[in-house]
Amino acid sequence: LGVAVLVPIMANIIVIDWVYLDAKGPIVNATIYFLMLLYILYYNR
């Protein structure tokens, strides 16, 4: 349930960071969190 709440939030953050921010750091951080959430889904597939 936590992953279900967080995946759309993290996807939205990645898009906002990519579109509006000039810094790569926040995109990298958000992408790492997003990939970790996807791993949790994969592990519990």
PDB file of all heavy atoms in Angstrom:
ATOM      1  N   LEU A   1       0.848  -1.203   0.000  1.00  0.00           N
ATOM      2  CA  LEU A   1       0.000   0.000   0.000  1.00  0.00           C
ATOM      3  C   LEU A   1       0.880   1.247   0.000  1.00  0.00           C
ATOM      4  O   LEU A   1       0.569   2.232  -0.680  1.00  0.00           O
ATOM      5  CB  LEU A   1      -0.935   0.002   1.209  1.00  0.00           C
ATOM      6  CG  LEU A   1      -2.056  -1.016   1.191  1.00  0.00           C
ATOM      7  CD1 LEU A   1      -2.821  -0.984   2.517  1.00  0.00           C
ATOM      8  CD2 LEU A   1      -2.994  -0.754   0.033  1.00  0.00           C
ATOM      9  N   GLY A   2       1.961   1.212   0.761  1.00  0.00           N
ATOM     10  CA  GLY A   2       2.902   2.330   0.761  1.00  0.00           C
ATOM     11  C   GLY A   2       3.487   2.570  -0.616  1.00  0.00           C
ATOM     12  O   GLY A   2       3.590   3.713  -1.072  1.00  0.00           O
ATOM     13  N   VAL A   3       3.863   1.498  -1.293  1.00  0.00           N
ATOM     14  CA  VAL A   3       4.383   1.632  -2.658  1.00  0.00           C
ATOM     15  C   VAL A   3       3.309   2.211  -3.574  1.00  0.00           C
ATOM     16  O   VAL A   3       3.588   3.089  -4.401  1.00  0.00           O
ATOM     17  CB  VAL A   3       4.895   0.275  -3.191  1.00  0.00           C
ATOM     18  CG1 VAL A   3       5.253   0.362  -4.661  1.00  0.00           C
ATOM     19  CG2 VAL A   3       6.098  -0.202  -2.385  1.00  0.00           C
ATOM     20  N   ALA A   4       2.066   1.746  -3.416  1.00  0.00           N
ATOM     21  CA  ALA A   4       0.967   2.260  -4.254  1.00  0.00           C
ATOM     22  C   ALA A   4       0.749   3.758  -4.032  1.00  0.00           C
ATOM     23  O   ALA A   4       0.413   4.487  -4.970  1.00  0.00           O
ATOM     24  CB  ALA A   4      -0.325   1.485  -3.969  1.00  0.00           C
ATOM     25  N   VAL A   5       0.945   4.230  -2.810  1.00  0.00           N
ATOM     26  CA  VAL A   5       0.828   5.667  -2.525  1.00  0.00           C
ATOM     27  C   VAL A   5       2.012   6.424  -3.122  1.00  0.00           C
ATOM     28  O   VAL A   5       1.849   7.502  -3.697  1.00  0.00           O
ATOM     29  CB  VAL A   5       0.737   5.907  -0.996  1.00  0.00           C
ATOM     30  CG1 VAL A   5       0.904   7.382  -0.649  1.00  0.00           C
ATOM     31  CG2 VAL A   5      -0.581   5.377  -0.444  1.00  0.00           C
ATOM     32  N   LEU A   6       3.209   5.862  -2.998  1.00  0.00           N
ATOM     33  CA  LEU A   6       4.424   6.600  -3.340  1.00  0.00           C
ATOM     34  C   LEU A   6       4.807   6.582  -4.814  1.00  0.00           C
ATOM     35  O   LEU A   6       5.432   7.534  -5.290  1.00  0.00           O
ATOM     36  CB  LEU A   6       5.591   6.079  -2.499  1.00  0.00           C
ATOM     37  CG  LEU A   6       5.480   6.358  -1.004  1.00  0.00           C
ATOM     38  CD1 LEU A   6       6.599   5.659  -0.243  1.00  0.00           C
ATOM     39  CD2 LEU A   6       5.481   7.852  -0.733  1.00  0.00           C
ATOM     40  N   VAL A   7       4.466   5.537  -5.549  1.00  0.00           N
ATOM     41  CA  VAL A   7       4.868   5.478  -6.959  1.00  0.00           C
ATOM     42  C   VAL A   7       4.343   6.677  -7.757  1.00  0.00           C
ATOM     43  O   VAL A   7       5.116   7.332  -8.460  1.00  0.00           O
ATOM     44  CB  VAL A   7       4.488   4.120  -7.600  1.00  0.00           C
ATOM     45  CG1 VAL A   7       4.479   4.199  -9.115  1.00  0.00           C
ATOM     46  CG2 VAL A   7       5.468   3.043  -7.147  1.00  0.00           C
ATOM     47  N   PRO A   8       3.053   7.011  -7.684  1.00  0.00           N
ATOM     48  CA  PRO A   8       2.615   8.185  -8.454  1.00  0.00           C
ATOM     49  C   PRO A   8       3.221   9.492  -7.942  1.00  0.00           C
ATOM     50  O   PRO A   8       3.500  10.393  -8.742  1.00  0.00           O
ATOM     51  CB  PRO A   8       1.095   8.191  -8.296  1.00  0.00           C
ATOM     52  CG  PRO A   8       0.752   7.155  -7.306  1.00  0.00           C
ATOM     53  CD  PRO A   8       1.942   6.306  -7.061  1.00  0.00           C
ATOM     54  N   ILE A   9       3.458   9.593  -6.643  1.00  0.00           N
ATOM     55  CA  ILE A   9       4.095  10.801  -6.101  1.00  0.00           C
ATOM     56  C   ILE A   9       5.504  10.935  -6.653  1.00  0.00           C
ATOM     57  O   ILE A   9       5.915  12.004  -7.113  1.00  0.00           O
ATOM     58  CB  ILE A   9       4.110  10.768  -4.558  1.00  0.00           C
ATOM     59  CG1 ILE A   9       2.689  10.901  -4.010  1.00  0.00           C
ATOM     60  CG2 ILE A   9       5.012  11.867  -3.994  1.00  0.00           C
ATOM     61  CD1 ILE A   9       2.582  10.662  -2.513  1.00  0.00           C
ATOM     62  N   MET A  10       6.260   9.842  -6.626  1.00  0.00           N
ATOM     63  CA  MET A  10       7.642   9.899  -7.108  1.00  0.00           C
ATOM     64  C   MET A  10       7.695  10.118  -8.615  1.00  0.00           C
ATOM     65  O   MET A  10       8.560  10.856  -9.105  1.00  0.00           O
ATOM     66  CB  MET A  10       8.410   8.627  -6.717  1.00  0.00           C
ATOM     67  CG  MET A  10       8.609   8.453  -5.224  1.00  0.00           C
ATOM     68  SD  MET A  10       9.202   9.922  -4.343  1.00  0.00           S
ATOM     69  CE  MET A  10      10.706  10.277  -5.212  1.00  0.00           C
ATOM     70  N   ALA A  11       6.777   9.518  -9.360  1.00  0.00           N
ATOM     71  CA  ALA A  11       6.745   9.754 -10.810  1.00  0.00           C
ATOM     72  C   ALA A  11       6.475  11.229 -11.083  1.00  0.00           C
ATOM     73  O   ALA A  11       7.115  11.844 -11.961  1.00  0.00           O
ATOM     74  CB  ALA A  11       5.681   8.873 -11.463  1.00  0.00           C
ATOM     75  N   ASN A  12       5.557  11.817 -10.347  1.00  0.00           N
ATOM     76  CA  ASN A  12       5.245  13.237 -10.510  1.00  0.00           C
ATOM     77  C   ASN A  12       6.453  14.107 -10.152  1.00  0.00           C
ATOM     78  O   ASN A  12       6.754  15.080 -10.857  1.00  0.00           O
ATOM     79  CB  ASN A  12       4.043  13.607  -9.644  1.00  0.00           C
ATOM     80  CG  ASN A  12       3.562  15.006  -9.896  1.00  0.00           C
ATOM     81  OD1 ASN A  12       3.327  15.400 -11.031  1.00  0.00           O
ATOM     82  ND2 ASN A  12       3.409  15.778  -8.836  1.00  0.00           N
ATOM     83  N   ILE A  13       7.150  13.770  -9.081  1.00  0.00           N
ATOM     84  CA  ILE A  13       8.338  14.531  -8.679  1.00  0.00           C
ATOM     85  C   ILE A  13       9.410  14.446  -9.760  1.00  0.00           C
ATOM     86  O   ILE A  13      10.043  15.452 -10.100  1.00  0.00           O
ATOM     87  CB  ILE A  13       8.863  14.039  -7.319  1.00  0.00           C
ATOM     88  CG1 ILE A  13       7.892  14.472  -6.211  1.00  0.00           C
ATOM     89  CG2 ILE A  13      10.273  14.549  -7.044  1.00  0.00           C
ATOM     90  CD1 ILE A  13       8.181  13.863  -4.857  1.00  0.00           C
ATOM     91  N   ILE A  14       9.614  13.264 -10.326  1.00  0.00           N
ATOM     92  CA  ILE A  14      10.604  13.109 -11.390  1.00  0.00           C
ATOM     93  C   ILE A  14      10.254  13.999 -12.580  1.00  0.00           C
ATOM     94  O   ILE A  14      11.114  14.695 -13.126  1.00  0.00           O
ATOM     95  CB  ILE A  14      10.741  11.632 -11.812  1.00  0.00           C
ATOM     96  CG1 ILE A  14      11.390  10.827 -10.683  1.00  0.00           C
ATOM     97  CG2 ILE A  14      11.530  11.494 -13.111  1.00  0.00           C
ATOM     98  CD1 ILE A  14      11.312   9.324 -10.860  1.00  0.00           C
ATOM     99  N   VAL A  15       8.992  14.000 -12.980  1.00  0.00           N
ATOM    100  CA  VAL A  15       8.577  14.824 -14.118  1.00  0.00           C
ATOM    101  C   VAL A  15       8.755  16.308 -13.803  1.00  0.00           C
ATOM    102  O   VAL A  15       9.291  17.070 -14.617  1.00  0.00           O
ATOM    103  CB  VAL A  15       7.121  14.507 -14.533  1.00  0.00           C
ATOM    104  CG1 VAL A  15       6.606  15.513 -15.545  1.00  0.00           C
ATOM    105  CG2 VAL A  15       7.033  13.090 -15.093  1.00  0.00           C
ATOM    106  N   ILE A  16       8.333  16.733 -12.625  1.00  0.00           N
ATOM    107  CA  ILE A  16       8.486  18.148 -12.253  1.00  0.00           C
ATOM    108  C   ILE A  16       9.965  18.529 -12.205  1.00  0.00           C
ATOM    109  O   ILE A  16      10.357  19.579 -12.727  1.00  0.00           O
ATOM    110  CB  ILE A  16       7.789  18.435 -10.900  1.00  0.00           C
ATOM    111  CG1 ILE A  16       6.274  18.421 -11.095  1.00  0.00           C
ATOM    112  CG2 ILE A  16       8.239  19.772 -10.324  1.00  0.00           C
ATOM    113  CD1 ILE A  16       5.485  18.498  -9.807  1.00  0.00           C
ATOM    114  N   ASP A  17      10.782  17.680 -11.592  1.00  0.00           N
ATOM    115  CA  ASP A  17      12.216  17.974 -11.539  1.00  0.00           C
ATOM    116  C   ASP A  17      12.821  18.044 -12.936  1.00  0.00           C
ATOM    117  O   ASP A  17      13.655  18.903 -13.217  1.00  0.00           O
ATOM    118  CB  ASP A  17      12.952  16.918 -10.710  1.00  0.00           C
ATOM    119  CG  ASP A  17      12.691  17.038  -9.220  1.00  0.00           C
ATOM    120  OD1 ASP A  17      12.026  18.014  -8.813  1.00  0.00           O
ATOM    121  OD2 ASP A  17      13.138  16.148  -8.466  1.00  0.00           O
ATOM    122  N   TRP A  18      12.430  17.166 -13.801  1.00  0.00           N
ATOM    123  CA  TRP A  18      12.968  17.120 -15.164  1.00  0.00           C
ATOM    124  C   TRP A  18      12.532  18.344 -15.970  1.00  0.00           C
ATOM    125  O   TRP A  18      13.329  18.930 -16.694  1.00  0.00           O
ATOM    126  CB  TRP A  18      12.508  15.829 -15.840  1.00  0.00           C
ATOM    127  CG  TRP A  18      13.039  15.637 -17.214  1.00  0.00           C
ATOM    128  CD1 TRP A  18      14.346  15.569 -17.603  1.00  0.00           C
ATOM    129  CD2 TRP A  18      12.270  15.495 -18.402  1.00  0.00           C
ATOM    130  NE1 TRP A  18      14.428  15.384 -18.957  1.00  0.00           N
ATOM    131  CE2 TRP A  18      13.158  15.333 -19.476  1.00  0.00           C
ATOM    132  CE3 TRP A  18      10.900  15.474 -18.661  1.00  0.00           C
ATOM    133  CZ2 TRP A  18      12.732  15.164 -20.775  1.00  0.00           C
ATOM    134  CZ3 TRP A  18      10.491  15.301 -19.965  1.00  0.00           C
ATOM    135  CH2 TRP A  18      11.390  15.156 -20.988  1.00  0.00           C
ATOM    136  N   VAL A  19      11.281  18.753 -15.810  1.00  0.00           N
ATOM    137  CA  VAL A  19      10.744  19.867 -16.594  1.00  0.00           C
ATOM    138  C   VAL A  19      11.196  21.221 -16.045  1.00  0.00           C
ATOM    139  O   VAL A  19      11.530  22.117 -16.805  1.00  0.00           O
ATOM    140  CB  VAL A  19       9.196  19.786 -16.648  1.00  0.00           C
ATOM    141  CG1 VAL A  19       8.605  21.028 -17.265  1.00  0.00           C
ATOM    142  CG2 VAL A  19       8.760  18.547 -17.431  1.00  0.00           C
ATOM    143  N   TYR A  20      11.200  21.383 -14.724  1.00  0.00           N
ATOM    144  CA  TYR A  20      11.394  22.707 -14.137  1.00  0.00           C
ATOM    145  C   TYR A  20      12.757  22.962 -13.506  1.00  0.00           C
ATOM    146  O   TYR A  20      13.152  24.107 -13.359  1.00  0.00           O
ATOM    147  CB  TYR A  20      10.313  22.981 -13.086  1.00  0.00           C
ATOM    148  CG  TYR A  20       8.946  23.124 -13.684  1.00  0.00           C
ATOM    149  CD1 TYR A  20       8.016  22.098 -13.570  1.00  0.00           C
ATOM    150  CD2 TYR A  20       8.579  24.267 -14.375  1.00  0.00           C
ATOM    151  CE1 TYR A  20       6.755  22.217 -14.125  1.00  0.00           C
ATOM    152  CE2 TYR A  20       7.329  24.393 -14.941  1.00  0.00           C
ATOM    153  CZ  TYR A  20       6.413  23.360 -14.809  1.00  0.00           C
ATOM    154  OH  TYR A  20       5.175  23.485 -15.371  1.00  0.00           O
ATOM    155  N   LEU A  21      13.433  21.925 -13.060  1.00  0.00           N
ATOM    156  CA  LEU A  21      14.686  22.153 -12.344  1.00  0.00           C
ATOM    157  C   LEU A  21      15.889  21.988 -13.262  1.00  0.00           C
ATOM    158  O   LEU A  21      15.891  21.155 -14.155  1.00  0.00           O
ATOM    159  CB  LEU A  21      14.812  21.180 -11.170  1.00  0.00           C
ATOM    160  CG  LEU A  21      13.698  21.224 -10.137  1.00  0.00           C
ATOM    161  CD1 LEU A  21      14.001  20.258  -9.013  1.00  0.00           C
ATOM    162  CD2 LEU A  21      13.506  22.619  -9.588  1.00  0.00           C
ATOM    163  N   ASP A  22      16.894  22.770 -12.997  1.00  0.00           N
ATOM    164  CA  ASP A  22      18.139  22.673 -13.758  1.00  0.00           C
ATOM    165  C   ASP A  22      19.141  21.730 -13.097  1.00  0.00           C
ATOM    166  O   ASP A  22      20.155  21.422 -13.667  1.00  0.00           O
ATOM    167  CB  ASP A  22      18.771  24.054 -13.912  1.00  0.00           C
ATOM    168  CG  ASP A  22      18.432  24.699 -15.241  1.00  0.00           C
ATOM    169  OD1 ASP A  22      17.931  23.995 -16.122  1.00  0.00           O
ATOM    170  OD2 ASP A  22      18.682  25.909 -15.371  1.00  0.00           O
ATOM    171  N   ALA A  23      18.873  21.321 -11.899  1.00  0.00           N
ATOM    172  CA  ALA A  23      19.803  20.492 -11.141  1.00  0.00           C
ATOM    173  C   ALA A  23      19.544  19.013 -11.402  1.00  0.00           C
ATOM    174  O   ALA A  23      18.399  18.570 -11.373  1.00  0.00           O
ATOM    175  CB  ALA A  23      19.671  20.799  -9.659  1.00  0.00           C
ATOM    176  N   LYS A  24      20.603  18.282 -11.635  1.00  0.00           N
ATOM    177  CA  LYS A  24      20.463  16.842 -11.870  1.00  0.00           C
ATOM    178  C   LYS A  24      20.322  16.056 -10.580  1.00  0.00           C
ATOM    179  O   LYS A  24      19.741  14.984 -10.560  1.00  0.00           O
ATOM    180  CB  LYS A  24      21.657  16.339 -12.671  1.00  0.00           C
ATOM    181  CG  LYS A  24      21.689  16.865 -14.073  1.00  0.00           C
ATOM    182  CD  LYS A  24      22.870  16.344 -14.845  1.00  0.00           C
ATOM    183  CE  LYS A  24      22.799  16.946 -16.245  1.00  0.00           C
ATOM    184  NZ  LYS A  24      24.058  16.972 -16.922  1.00  0.00           N
ATOM    185  N   GLY A  25      20.833  16.590  -9.474  1.00  0.00           N
ATOM    186  CA  GLY A  25      20.802  15.889  -8.194  1.00  0.00           C
ATOM    187  C   GLY A  25      19.407  15.462  -7.759  1.00  0.00           C
ATOM    188  O   GLY A  25      19.200  14.292  -7.421  1.00  0.00           O
ATOM    189  N   PRO A  26      18.431  16.390  -7.749  1.00  0.00           N
ATOM    190  CA  PRO A  26      17.086  15.986  -7.335  1.00  0.00           C
ATOM    191  C   PRO A  26      16.471  14.915  -8.234  1.00  0.00           C
ATOM    192  O   PRO A  26      15.753  14.038  -7.751  1.00  0.00           O
ATOM    193  CB  PRO A  26      16.280  17.287  -7.407  1.00  0.00           C
ATOM    194  CG  PRO A  26      17.301  18.365  -7.272  1.00  0.00           C
ATOM    195  CD  PRO A  26      18.543  17.832  -7.928  1.00  0.00           C
ATOM    196  N   ILE A  27      16.756  14.978  -9.525  1.00  0.00           N
ATOM    197  CA  ILE A  27      16.223  13.961 -10.448  1.00  0.00           C
ATOM    198  C   ILE A  27      16.839  12.604 -10.132  1.00  0.00           C
ATOM    199  O   ILE A  27      16.143  11.590 -10.109  1.00  0.00           O
ATOM    200  CB  ILE A  27      16.486  14.348 -11.919  1.00  0.00           C
ATOM    201  CG1 ILE A  27      15.729  15.628 -12.272  1.00  0.00           C
ATOM    202  CG2 ILE A  27      16.100  13.216 -12.864  1.00  0.00           C
ATOM    203  CD1 ILE A  27      16.089  16.205 -13.623  1.00  0.00           C
ATOM    204  N   VAL A  28      18.145  12.603  -9.870  1.00  0.00           N
ATOM    205  CA  VAL A  28      18.830  11.348  -9.541  1.00  0.00           C
ATOM    206  C   VAL A  28      18.251  10.766  -8.251  1.00  0.00           C
ATOM    207  O   VAL A  28      17.924   9.574  -8.183  1.00  0.00           O
ATOM    208  CB  VAL A  28      20.355  11.562  -9.428  1.00  0.00           C
ATOM    209  CG1 VAL A  28      21.048  10.338  -8.857  1.00  0.00           C
ATOM    210  CG2 VAL A  28      20.939  11.924 -10.787  1.00  0.00           C
ATOM    211  N   ASN A  29      18.099  11.605  -7.212  1.00  0.00           N
ATOM    212  CA  ASN A  29      17.540  11.119  -5.950  1.00  0.00           C
ATOM    213  C   ASN A  29      16.151  10.534  -6.144  1.00  0.00           C
ATOM    214  O   ASN A  29      15.867   9.423  -5.700  1.00  0.00           O
ATOM    215  CB  ASN A  29      17.460  12.252  -4.918  1.00  0.00           C
ATOM    216  CG  ASN A  29      18.803  12.620  -4.359  1.00  0.00           C
ATOM    217  OD1 ASN A  29      19.744  11.848  -4.404  1.00  0.00           O
ATOM    218  ND2 ASN A  29      18.902  13.823  -3.837  1.00  0.00           N
ATOM    219  N   ALA A  30      15.271  11.284  -6.785  1.00  0.00           N
ATOM    220  CA  ALA A  30      13.893  10.823  -6.984  1.00  0.00           C
ATOM    221  C   ALA A  30      13.863   9.537  -7.814  1.00  0.00           C
ATOM    222  O   ALA A  30      13.059   8.641  -7.547  1.00  0.00           O
ATOM    223  CB  ALA A  30      13.057  11.915  -7.649  1.00  0.00           C
ATOM    224  N   THR A  31      14.734   9.440  -8.803  1.00  0.00           N
ATOM    225  CA  THR A  31      14.783   8.245  -9.650  1.00  0.00           C
ATOM    226  C   THR A  31      15.254   7.035  -8.844  1.00  0.00           C
ATOM    227  O   THR A  31      14.716   5.928  -9.004  1.00  0.00           O
ATOM    228  CB  THR A  31      15.686   8.480 -10.872  1.00  0.00           C
ATOM    229  OG1 THR A  31      15.176   9.597 -11.613  1.00  0.00           O
ATOM    230  CG2 THR A  31      15.729   7.259 -11.770  1.00  0.00           C
ATOM    231  N   ILE A  32      16.218   7.240  -7.964  1.00  0.00           N
ATOM    232  CA  ILE A  32      16.683   6.129  -7.116  1.00  0.00           C
ATOM    233  C   ILE A  32      15.548   5.650  -6.218  1.00  0.00           C
ATOM    234  O   ILE A  32      15.302   4.445  -6.100  1.00  0.00           O
ATOM    235  CB  ILE A  32      17.924   6.543  -6.295  1.00  0.00           C
ATOM    236  CG1 ILE A  32      19.127   6.644  -7.236  1.00  0.00           C
ATOM    237  CG2 ILE A  32      18.190   5.560  -5.155  1.00  0.00           C
ATOM    238  CD1 ILE A  32      20.356   7.264  -6.596  1.00  0.00           C
ATOM    239  N   TYR A  33      14.826   6.577  -5.588  1.00  0.00           N
ATOM    240  CA  TYR A  33      13.696   6.181  -4.737  1.00  0.00           C
ATOM    241  C   TYR A  33      12.649   5.442  -5.564  1.00  0.00           C
ATOM    242  O   TYR A  33      12.090   4.437  -5.122  1.00  0.00           O
ATOM    243  CB  TYR A  33      13.045   7.385  -4.059  1.00  0.00           C
ATOM    244  CG  TYR A  33      14.006   8.283  -3.313  1.00  0.00           C
ATOM    245  CD1 TYR A  33      13.774   9.647  -3.234  1.00  0.00           C
ATOM    246  CD2 TYR A  33      15.150   7.786  -2.684  1.00  0.00           C
ATOM    247  CE1 TYR A  33      14.643  10.490  -2.544  1.00  0.00           C
ATOM    248  CE2 TYR A  33      16.020   8.617  -2.006  1.00  0.00           C
ATOM    249  CZ  TYR A  33      15.765   9.970  -1.943  1.00  0.00           C
ATOM    250  OH  TYR A  33      16.622  10.794  -1.278  1.00  0.00           O
ATOM    251  N   PHE A  34      12.366   5.960  -6.758  1.00  0.00           N
ATOM    252  CA  PHE A  34      11.375   5.340  -7.648  1.00  0.00           C
ATOM    253  C   PHE A  34      11.799   3.921  -8.020  1.00  0.00           C
ATOM    254  O   PHE A  34      10.988   2.985  -7.970  1.00  0.00           O
ATOM    255  CB  PHE A  34      11.195   6.205  -8.902  1.00  0.00           C
ATOM    256  CG  PHE A  34      10.123   5.733  -9.819  1.00  0.00           C
ATOM    257  CD1 PHE A  34       8.783   5.949  -9.519  1.00  0.00           C
ATOM    258  CD2 PHE A  34      10.437   5.098 -11.012  1.00  0.00           C
ATOM    259  CE1 PHE A  34       7.780   5.520 -10.370  1.00  0.00           C
ATOM    260  CE2 PHE A  34       9.441   4.673 -11.872  1.00  0.00           C
ATOM    261  CZ  PHE A  34       8.108   4.882 -11.550  1.00  0.00           C
ATOM    262  N   LEU A  35      13.066   3.740  -8.391  1.00  0.00           N
ATOM    263  CA  LEU A  35      13.561   2.411  -8.746  1.00  0.00           C
ATOM    264  C   LEU A  35      13.518   1.458  -7.548  1.00  0.00           C
ATOM    265  O   LEU A  35      13.232   0.267  -7.708  1.00  0.00           O
ATOM    266  CB  LEU A  35      14.979   2.503  -9.320  1.00  0.00           C
ATOM    267  CG  LEU A  35      15.080   3.180 -10.686  1.00  0.00           C
ATOM    268  CD1 LEU A  35      16.546   3.368 -11.077  1.00  0.00           C
ATOM    269  CD2 LEU A  35      14.314   2.402 -11.748  1.00  0.00           C
ATOM    270  N   MET A  36      13.779   1.967  -6.360  1.00  0.00           N
ATOM    271  CA  MET A  36      13.680   1.134  -5.162  1.00  0.00           C
ATOM    272  C   MET A  36      12.233   0.692  -4.938  1.00  0.00           C
ATOM    273  O   MET A  36      11.994  -0.466  -4.568  1.00  0.00           O
ATOM    274  CB  MET A  36      14.209   1.880  -3.940  1.00  0.00           C
ATOM    275  CG  MET A  36      15.712   2.033  -3.930  1.00  0.00           C
ATOM    276  SD  MET A  36      16.252   2.917  -2.455  1.00  0.00           S
ATOM    277  CE  MET A  36      17.886   2.219  -2.269  1.00  0.00           C
ATOM    278  N   LEU A  37      11.284   1.590  -5.163  1.00  0.00           N
ATOM    279  CA  LEU A  37       9.870   1.216  -5.053  1.00  0.00           C
ATOM    280  C   LEU A  37       9.512   0.144  -6.079  1.00  0.00           C
ATOM    281  O   LEU A  37       8.781  -0.801  -5.774  1.00  0.00           O
ATOM    282  CB  LEU A  37       8.984   2.448  -5.220  1.00  0.00           C
ATOM    283  CG  LEU A  37       9.081   3.490  -4.102  1.00  0.00           C
ATOM    284  CD1 LEU A  37       8.355   4.763  -4.502  1.00  0.00           C
ATOM    285  CD2 LEU A  37       8.553   2.944  -2.790  1.00  0.00           C
ATOM    286  N   LEU A  38      10.039   0.292  -7.291  1.00  0.00           N
ATOM    287  CA  LEU A  38       9.783  -0.726  -8.315  1.00  0.00           C
ATOM    288  C   LEU A  38      10.401  -2.069  -7.925  1.00  0.00           C
ATOM    289  O   LEU A  38       9.816  -3.123  -8.184  1.00  0.00           O
ATOM    290  CB  LEU A  38      10.305  -0.267  -9.677  1.00  0.00           C
ATOM    291  CG  LEU A  38       9.597   0.917 -10.315  1.00  0.00           C
ATOM    292  CD1 LEU A  38      10.199   1.229 -11.685  1.00  0.00           C
ATOM    293  CD2 LEU A  38       8.103   0.684 -10.426  1.00  0.00           C
ATOM    294  N   TYR A  39      11.573  -2.041  -7.287  1.00  0.00           N
ATOM    295  CA  TYR A  39      12.166  -3.288  -6.830  1.00  0.00           C
ATOM    296  C   TYR A  39      11.276  -3.956  -5.781  1.00  0.00           C
ATOM    297  O   TYR A  39      11.117  -5.181  -5.783  1.00  0.00           O
ATOM    298  CB  TYR A  39      13.584  -3.095  -6.272  1.00  0.00           C
ATOM    299  CG  TYR A  39      14.134  -4.403  -5.754  1.00  0.00           C
ATOM    300  CD1 TYR A  39      14.616  -5.353  -6.654  1.00  0.00           C
ATOM    301  CD2 TYR A  39      14.103  -4.729  -4.407  1.00  0.00           C
ATOM    302  CE1 TYR A  39      15.073  -6.587  -6.208  1.00  0.00           C
ATOM    303  CE2 TYR A  39      14.558  -5.955  -3.948  1.00  0.00           C
ATOM    304  CZ  TYR A  39      15.035  -6.883  -4.852  1.00  0.00           C
ATOM    305  OH  TYR A  39      15.473  -8.108  -4.414  1.00  0.00           O
ATOM    306  N   ILE A  40      10.711  -3.161  -4.886  1.00  0.00           N
ATOM    307  CA  ILE A  40       9.803  -3.723  -3.876  1.00  0.00           C
ATOM    308  C   ILE A  40       8.634  -4.423  -4.572  1.00  0.00           C
ATOM    309  O   ILE A  40       8.231  -5.518  -4.175  1.00  0.00           O
ATOM    310  CB  ILE A  40       9.318  -2.631  -2.909  1.00  0.00           C
ATOM    311  CG1 ILE A  40      10.493  -2.079  -2.100  1.00  0.00           C
ATOM    312  CG2 ILE A  40       8.229  -3.168  -1.976  1.00  0.00           C
ATOM    313  CD1 ILE A  40      10.199  -0.786  -1.352  1.00  0.00           C
ATOM    314  N   LEU A  41       8.099  -3.802  -5.613  1.00  0.00           N
ATOM    315  CA  LEU A  41       7.020  -4.442  -6.382  1.00  0.00           C
ATOM    316  C   LEU A  41       7.522  -5.729  -7.033  1.00  0.00           C
ATOM    317  O   LEU A  41       6.836  -6.753  -7.009  1.00  0.00           O
ATOM    318  CB  LEU A  41       6.481  -3.498  -7.453  1.00  0.00           C
ATOM    319  CG  LEU A  41       5.654  -2.320  -6.969  1.00  0.00           C
ATOM    320  CD1 LEU A  41       5.263  -1.437  -8.154  1.00  0.00           C
ATOM    321  CD2 LEU A  41       4.423  -2.791  -6.215  1.00  0.00           C
ATOM    322  N   TYR A  42       8.712  -5.682  -7.630  1.00  0.00           N
ATOM    323  CA  TYR A  42       9.271  -6.865  -8.281  1.00  0.00           C
ATOM    324  C   TYR A  42       9.494  -7.985  -7.270  1.00  0.00           C
ATOM    325  O   TYR A  42       9.138  -9.144  -7.528  1.00  0.00           O
ATOM    326  CB  TYR A  42      10.592  -6.512  -8.987  1.00  0.00           C
ATOM    327  CG  TYR A  42      11.265  -7.721  -9.570  1.00  0.00           C
ATOM    328  CD1 TYR A  42      10.797  -8.292 -10.750  1.00  0.00           C
ATOM    329  CD2 TYR A  42      12.349  -8.312  -8.925  1.00  0.00           C
ATOM    330  CE1 TYR A  42      11.407  -9.424 -11.274  1.00  0.00           C
ATOM    331  CE2 TYR A  42      12.956  -9.442  -9.440  1.00  0.00           C
ATOM    332  CZ  TYR A  42      12.479  -9.988 -10.614  1.00  0.00           C
ATOM    333  OH  TYR A  42      13.069 -11.114 -11.134  1.00  0.00           O
ATOM    334  N   TYR A  43      10.062  -7.655  -6.132  1.00  0.00           N
ATOM    335  CA  TYR A  43      10.319  -8.659  -5.105  1.00  0.00           C
ATOM    336  C   TYR A  43       9.012  -9.322  -4.651  1.00  0.00           C
ATOM    337  O   TYR A  43       8.989 -10.514  -4.371  1.00  0.00           O
ATOM    338  CB  TYR A  43      11.037  -8.011  -3.916  1.00  0.00           C
ATOM    339  CG  TYR A  43      11.268  -8.962  -2.775  1.00  0.00           C
ATOM    340  CD1 TYR A  43      12.339  -9.846  -2.789  1.00  0.00           C
ATOM    341  CD2 TYR A  43      10.406  -8.989  -1.678  1.00  0.00           C
ATOM    342  CE1 TYR A  43      12.545 -10.735  -1.746  1.00  0.00           C
ATOM    343  CE2 TYR A  43      10.604  -9.872  -0.632  1.00  0.00           C
ATOM    344  CZ  TYR A  43      11.675 -10.740  -0.673  1.00  0.00           C
ATOM    345  OH  TYR A  43      11.881 -11.624   0.354  1.00  0.00           O
ATOM    346  N   ASN A  44       7.959  -8.559  -4.596  1.00  0.00           N
ATOM    347  CA  ASN A  44       6.647  -9.051  -4.155  1.00  0.00           C
ATOM    348  C   ASN A  44       5.733  -9.327  -5.342  1.00  0.00           C
ATOM    349  O   ASN A  44       4.511  -9.261  -5.216  1.00  0.00           O
ATOM    350  CB  ASN A  44       6.005  -8.010  -3.220  1.00  0.00           C
ATOM    351  CG  ASN A  44       6.784  -7.848  -1.950  1.00  0.00           C
ATOM    352  OD1 ASN A  44       6.658  -8.658  -1.035  1.00  0.00           O
ATOM    353  ND2 ASN A  44       7.620  -6.821  -1.890  1.00  0.00           N
ATOM    354  N   ARG A  45       6.306  -9.648  -6.477  1.00  0.00           N
ATOM    355  CA  ARG A  45       5.546  -9.758  -7.728  1.00  0.00           C
ATOM    356  C   ARG A  45       4.413 -10.775  -7.679  1.00  0.00           C
ATOM    357  O   ARG A  45       3.372 -10.554  -8.268  1.00  0.00           O
ATOM    358  CB  ARG A  45       6.470 -10.017  -8.904  1.00  0.00           C
ATOM    359  CG  ARG A  45       7.228 -11.314  -8.869  1.00  0.00           C
ATOM    360  CD  ARG A  45       8.318 -11.366  -9.948  1.00  0.00           C
ATOM    361  NE  ARG A  45       9.195 -12.492  -9.801  1.00  0.00           N
ATOM    362  CZ  ARG A  45      10.244 -12.542  -8.984  1.00  0.00           C
ATOM    363  NH1 ARG A  45      10.540 -11.512  -8.216  1.00  0.00           N
ATOM    364  NH2 ARG A  45      10.997 -13.616  -8.924  1.00  0.00           N
TER     365      ARG A  45
END
